[in-house]
Amino acid sequence: MDKEPLMGGFVYATILNQPTFERALGFLLASKIANATILAGQWNDLIMDAMNATNEGKNREYNGPGTGSIGDAARADLKAIVERDPACPSYTHAFCFFKGFQGLQAQRVAHWLWGHQRKVLACKMQSLISEVYGMDLHPAARFGRGIMIDHGHGVVVGETAVVDDDCTLLHGVTLGGTGKVRGDRHPKLGKRVVVGSNASVLGNIKVGHDCKIGAGAALMHDLPPRTTVVGHKGRVVTKKQITSKL
């Protein structure tokens, strides 16, 4: 704040005036997704309900992606960003400015709403996350801890997708369906998987632990652990005959 006085109000309201990490995160997310119909104070109360609920007793216990304390998950995500992203100078910088981090924490709140049968509000939150952060994360998708979504722009994660602990998703990544099936139709990523920018992982497939998927790759089949996939080569799968009507 000494170097940039214009940031004083933001830093004070977002961090210095908040008694806990969860309060700071709730205030930040609420101020980002607020609009004329649902105000920041209303979002803040809702976000804190989710964080407080997941911090209580047995709800805090972590049993895999999509479970446990939202606050603990956010701390692990911040740690992952500082350790893996050479462009990140500090925890504070990632917390305040990295939309991949912020969008993911908002999705964690939406996931809590979805699990408590408040699906309409969860979908509203998903829509606002998409508008504000440029990433479309379905509320039902399950994310582990220590997740880094770098840049966040253009990332799409489908309803039944699972992203396990310590994964990294770069910008433009799609974890989607093939468009041919219903139900459980999205990828399941193991631990420490890295998905390069603009890569597409499609269908109800399993990607093993420690796999790497190169930028621009398209993957539609299971991968065993510690596999690296690169390249995208199109191939003809069907060819329709053109018949003249003259």
Protein backbone atom coordinates (compact mmCIF):
# COMPACT_ATOMS: atom_id res chain seq x y z
CA MET A 1 0.00 0.00 0.00
CA ASP A 2 2.98 2.31 0.55
CA LYS A 3 4.05 1.74 -3.06
CA GLU A 4 0.55 1.97 -4.54
CA PRO A 5 -1.88 4.00 -2.38
CA LEU A 6 -4.79 3.30 -4.73
CA MET A 7 -4.69 -0.31 -3.57
CA GLY A 8 -5.12 0.65 0.09
CA GLY A 9 -8.90 0.42 0.19
CA PHE A 10 -8.94 -2.91 -1.63
CA VAL A 11 -6.30 -4.51 0.57
CA TYR A 12 -7.89 -3.22 3.77
CA ALA A 13 -11.44 -4.33 2.88
CA THR A 14 -10.41 -7.68 1.42
CA ILE A 15 -7.65 -8.80 3.81
CA LEU A 16 -6.72 -6.55 6.71
CA ASN A 17 -10.30 -5.98 7.88
CA GLN A 18 -11.18 -9.69 7.79
CA PRO A 19 -10.62 -11.79 10.94
CA THR A 20 -10.01 -15.12 9.17
CA PHE A 21 -8.84 -16.53 5.85
CA GLU A 22 -12.38 -17.81 5.17
CA ARG A 23 -13.86 -14.37 5.81
CA ALA A 24 -11.38 -12.77 3.43
CA LEU A 25 -12.12 -15.34 0.74
CA GLY A 26 -15.86 -14.98 1.20
CA PHE A 27 -15.66 -11.20 0.94
CA LEU A 28 -13.52 -11.40 -2.20
CA LEU A 29 -15.77 -13.89 -4.01
CA ALA A 30 -18.95 -12.06 -3.03
CA SER A 31 -17.62 -8.75 -4.33
CA LYS A 32 -16.71 -10.41 -7.63
CA ILE A 33 -20.00 -12.14 -8.45
CA ALA A 34 -22.41 -9.59 -6.96
CA ASN A 35 -24.83 -7.82 -9.26
CA ALA A 36 -27.99 -5.73 -9.08
CA THR A 37 -30.25 -8.70 -8.28
CA ILE A 38 -28.13 -10.55 -5.69
CA LEU A 39 -26.02 -8.14 -3.68
CA ALA A 40 -22.53 -8.70 -2.31
CA GLY A 41 -23.79 -8.93 1.27
CA GLN A 42 -26.26 -11.65 0.33
CA TRP A 43 -23.61 -13.65 -1.50
CA ASN A 44 -21.20 -13.17 1.38
CA ASP A 45 -23.68 -14.63 3.88
CA LEU A 46 -24.33 -17.60 1.61
CA ILE A 47 -20.62 -18.26 0.98
CA MET A 48 -19.88 -18.12 4.68
CA ASP A 49 -22.71 -20.58 5.37
CA ALA A 50 -20.98 -23.04 3.03
CA MET A 51 -17.54 -22.46 4.51
CA ASN A 52 -18.73 -22.67 8.11
CA ALA A 53 -20.72 -25.83 7.44
CA THR A 54 -17.78 -27.61 5.84
CA ASN A 55 -15.50 -26.54 8.68
CA GLU A 56 -17.66 -28.11 11.39
CA GLY A 57 -16.95 -31.45 13.01
CA LYS A 58 -17.05 -34.47 10.73
CA ASN A 59 -17.89 -32.26 7.73
CA ARG A 60 -14.28 -31.12 7.78
CA GLU A 61 -12.99 -34.64 7.20
CA TYR A 62 -11.57 -35.09 3.70
CA ASN A 63 -12.76 -38.18 1.84
CA GLY A 64 -11.69 -37.42 -1.70
CA PRO A 65 -12.61 -34.85 -4.35
CA GLY A 66 -15.62 -32.70 -3.53
CA THR A 67 -15.58 -33.34 0.23
CA GLY A 68 -14.23 -31.70 3.35
CA SER A 69 -13.46 -28.13 4.30
CA ILE A 70 -13.66 -25.48 1.57
CA GLY A 71 -11.20 -23.33 3.52
CA ASP A 72 -8.66 -26.15 3.79
CA ALA A 73 -9.02 -26.88 0.07
CA ALA A 74 -8.48 -23.21 -0.78
CA ARG A 75 -5.31 -23.12 1.32
CA ALA A 76 -3.99 -26.21 -0.48
CA ASP A 77 -4.84 -24.62 -3.84
CA LEU A 78 -2.92 -21.45 -2.93
CA LYS A 79 0.10 -23.48 -1.87
CA ALA A 80 -0.01 -25.39 -5.16
CA ILE A 81 -0.07 -22.17 -7.18
CA VAL A 82 2.93 -20.68 -5.38
CA GLU A 83 4.90 -23.91 -5.77
CA ARG A 84 4.05 -24.65 -9.42
CA ASP A 85 3.52 -21.30 -11.13
CA PRO A 86 6.78 -19.42 -11.78
CA ALA A 87 4.75 -16.28 -12.54
CA CYS A 88 3.29 -16.16 -9.01
CA PRO A 89 5.28 -13.90 -6.67
CA SER A 90 3.33 -14.55 -3.45
CA TYR A 91 0.30 -16.06 -1.76
CA THR A 92 -1.32 -12.63 -1.54
CA HIS A 93 -0.88 -12.04 -5.26
CA ALA A 94 -2.52 -15.37 -6.15
CA PHE A 95 -5.33 -14.81 -3.66
CA CYS A 96 -6.19 -11.33 -4.91
CA PHE A 97 -5.64 -11.60 -8.65
CA PHE A 98 -5.61 -15.16 -10.00
CA LYS A 99 -9.04 -15.85 -11.48
CA GLY A 100 -8.32 -19.57 -11.81
CA PHE A 101 -8.00 -19.74 -8.02
CA GLN A 102 -11.02 -17.54 -7.34
CA GLY A 103 -13.28 -19.28 -9.85
CA LEU A 104 -12.43 -22.69 -8.39
CA GLN A 105 -13.26 -21.57 -4.85
CA ALA A 106 -16.59 -20.20 -6.06
CA GLN A 107 -17.26 -23.58 -7.67
CA ARG A 108 -16.56 -25.29 -4.35
CA VAL A 109 -19.34 -23.19 -2.82
CA ALA A 110 -21.65 -24.00 -5.74
CA HIS A 111 -20.82 -27.70 -5.26
CA TRP A 112 -21.91 -27.41 -1.62
CA LEU A 113 -25.19 -25.84 -2.74
CA TRP A 114 -25.69 -28.59 -5.31
CA GLY A 115 -25.14 -31.26 -2.69
CA HIS A 116 -27.73 -29.62 -0.43
CA GLN A 117 -30.37 -29.69 -3.19
CA ARG A 118 -30.15 -25.96 -3.88
CA LYS A 119 -29.48 -26.66 -7.52
CA VAL A 120 -31.11 -23.56 -9.00
CA LEU A 121 -28.91 -21.27 -6.91
CA ALA A 122 -25.88 -23.44 -7.68
CA CYS A 123 -26.56 -23.03 -11.40
CA LYS A 124 -26.97 -19.28 -10.94
CA MET A 125 -23.57 -19.22 -9.29
CA GLN A 126 -22.12 -21.29 -12.15
CA SER A 127 -23.47 -18.75 -14.62
CA LEU A 128 -21.90 -15.85 -12.73
CA ILE A 129 -18.57 -17.68 -12.46
CA SER A 130 -18.65 -18.08 -16.22
CA GLU A 131 -19.41 -14.39 -16.77
CA VAL A 132 -16.85 -13.08 -14.30
CA TYR A 133 -13.97 -15.53 -14.66
CA GLY A 134 -14.43 -16.89 -18.19
CA MET A 135 -14.53 -20.51 -17.01
CA ASP A 136 -17.48 -22.91 -16.93
CA LEU A 137 -17.27 -25.30 -13.97
CA HIS A 138 -20.37 -27.37 -13.35
CA PRO A 139 -21.49 -27.32 -9.70
CA ALA A 140 -21.66 -31.12 -9.58
CA ALA A 141 -18.05 -31.60 -10.76
CA ARG A 142 -15.75 -32.82 -8.01
CA PHE A 143 -12.37 -31.19 -7.37
CA GLY A 144 -9.69 -32.42 -4.99
CA ARG A 145 -7.13 -30.30 -3.16
CA GLY A 146 -3.98 -28.65 -4.39
CA ILE A 147 -5.56 -27.84 -7.76
CA MET A 148 -4.03 -25.20 -9.99
CA ILE A 149 -6.15 -23.79 -12.81
CA ASP A 150 -3.68 -21.53 -14.58
CA HIS A 151 -5.24 -18.38 -16.07
CA GLY A 152 -8.64 -20.09 -16.01
CA HIS A 153 -9.82 -18.58 -19.27
CA GLY A 154 -11.82 -21.00 -21.41
CA VAL A 155 -11.68 -23.93 -18.96
CA VAL A 156 -14.79 -26.14 -19.14
CA VAL A 157 -15.44 -28.97 -16.67
CA GLY A 158 -18.57 -31.10 -17.04
CA GLU A 159 -21.10 -32.34 -14.52
CA THR A 160 -19.72 -35.81 -13.77
CA ALA A 161 -16.02 -34.95 -14.08
CA VAL A 162 -13.62 -35.68 -11.21
CA VAL A 163 -10.28 -33.90 -10.76
CA ASP A 164 -8.21 -35.54 -8.03
CA ASP A 165 -5.58 -33.96 -5.79
CA ASP A 166 -2.65 -31.90 -7.11
CA CYS A 167 -3.83 -31.70 -10.73
CA THR A 168 -2.98 -28.79 -13.02
CA LEU A 169 -5.31 -27.49 -15.73
CA LEU A 170 -4.04 -24.81 -18.11
CA HIS A 171 -6.19 -22.34 -20.04
CA GLY A 172 -8.68 -23.65 -22.58
CA VAL A 173 -8.85 -27.17 -21.13
CA THR A 174 -12.09 -29.08 -21.68
CA LEU A 175 -13.13 -32.01 -19.51
CA GLY A 176 -16.29 -32.81 -21.41
CA GLY A 177 -18.56 -35.44 -22.86
CA THR A 178 -18.63 -36.90 -26.35
CA GLY A 179 -22.22 -35.81 -26.89
CA LYS A 180 -23.31 -39.40 -27.48
CA VAL A 181 -24.22 -40.59 -23.96
CA ARG A 182 -26.08 -39.42 -20.90
CA GLY A 183 -25.44 -40.00 -17.21
CA ASP A 184 -21.84 -40.50 -16.11
CA ARG A 185 -20.18 -39.07 -19.21
CA HIS A 186 -17.15 -37.01 -18.19
CA PRO A 187 -13.45 -37.77 -17.46
CA LYS A 188 -11.98 -38.88 -14.16
CA LEU A 189 -8.46 -37.52 -13.58
CA GLY A 190 -6.16 -39.23 -11.11
CA LYS A 191 -3.71 -37.45 -8.84
CA ARG A 192 -1.03 -35.07 -10.16
CA VAL A 193 -2.34 -35.06 -13.74
CA VAL A 194 -1.24 -32.12 -15.92
CA VAL A 195 -3.50 -31.09 -18.80
CA GLY A 196 -1.93 -28.66 -21.27
CA SER A 197 -3.58 -25.59 -22.75
CA ASN A 198 -6.51 -26.17 -25.14
CA ALA A 199 -6.42 -29.93 -24.60
CA SER A 200 -9.73 -31.81 -24.67
CA VAL A 201 -10.37 -34.87 -22.54
CA LEU A 202 -13.72 -36.33 -23.55
CA GLY A 203 -16.00 -39.07 -22.34
CA ASN A 204 -16.24 -41.21 -19.22
CA ILE A 205 -12.58 -42.20 -19.28
CA LYS A 206 -9.97 -42.67 -16.57
CA VAL A 207 -6.66 -40.86 -16.64
CA GLY A 208 -4.17 -42.50 -14.27
CA HIS A 209 -2.02 -40.81 -11.66
CA ASP A 210 0.91 -38.67 -12.85
CA CYS A 211 -0.19 -38.51 -16.50
CA LYS A 212 0.65 -35.55 -18.72
CA ILE A 213 -1.58 -34.44 -21.62
CA GLY A 214 0.09 -32.06 -24.04
CA ALA A 215 -1.28 -28.76 -25.31
CA GLY A 216 -3.94 -29.14 -27.98
CA ALA A 217 -4.25 -32.91 -27.55
CA ALA A 218 -7.61 -34.67 -27.82
CA LEU A 219 -8.02 -37.72 -25.61
CA MET A 220 -10.97 -40.12 -25.73
CA HIS A 221 -9.56 -43.30 -24.17
CA ASP A 222 -8.22 -44.41 -20.79
CA LEU A 223 -4.61 -43.67 -19.88
CA PRO A 224 -2.52 -45.86 -17.56
CA PRO A 225 -0.54 -44.09 -14.81
CA ARG A 226 2.61 -42.10 -15.69
CA THR A 227 1.69 -41.78 -19.39
CA THR A 228 2.43 -38.74 -21.56
CA VAL A 229 0.23 -37.91 -24.55
CA VAL A 230 1.05 -35.24 -27.14
CA GLY A 231 -0.23 -34.22 -30.55
CA HIS A 232 -3.59 -34.05 -32.25
CA LYS A 233 -4.05 -35.80 -35.55
CA GLY A 234 -7.45 -35.83 -37.19
CA ARG A 235 -8.62 -38.99 -38.94
CA VAL A 236 -11.65 -39.83 -41.04
CA VAL A 237 -14.15 -42.01 -39.19
CA THR A 238 -17.02 -41.84 -41.67
CA LYS A 239 -17.61 -40.49 -45.13
CA LYS A 240 -21.03 -39.81 -46.59
CA GLN A 241 -21.72 -40.30 -50.27
CA ILE A 242 -23.15 -37.28 -52.07
CA THR A 243 -26.00 -38.14 -54.39
CA SER A 244 -27.15 -35.71 -57.04
CA LYS A 245 -30.81 -34.65 -57.07
CA LEU A 246 -30.62 -33.16 -60.54
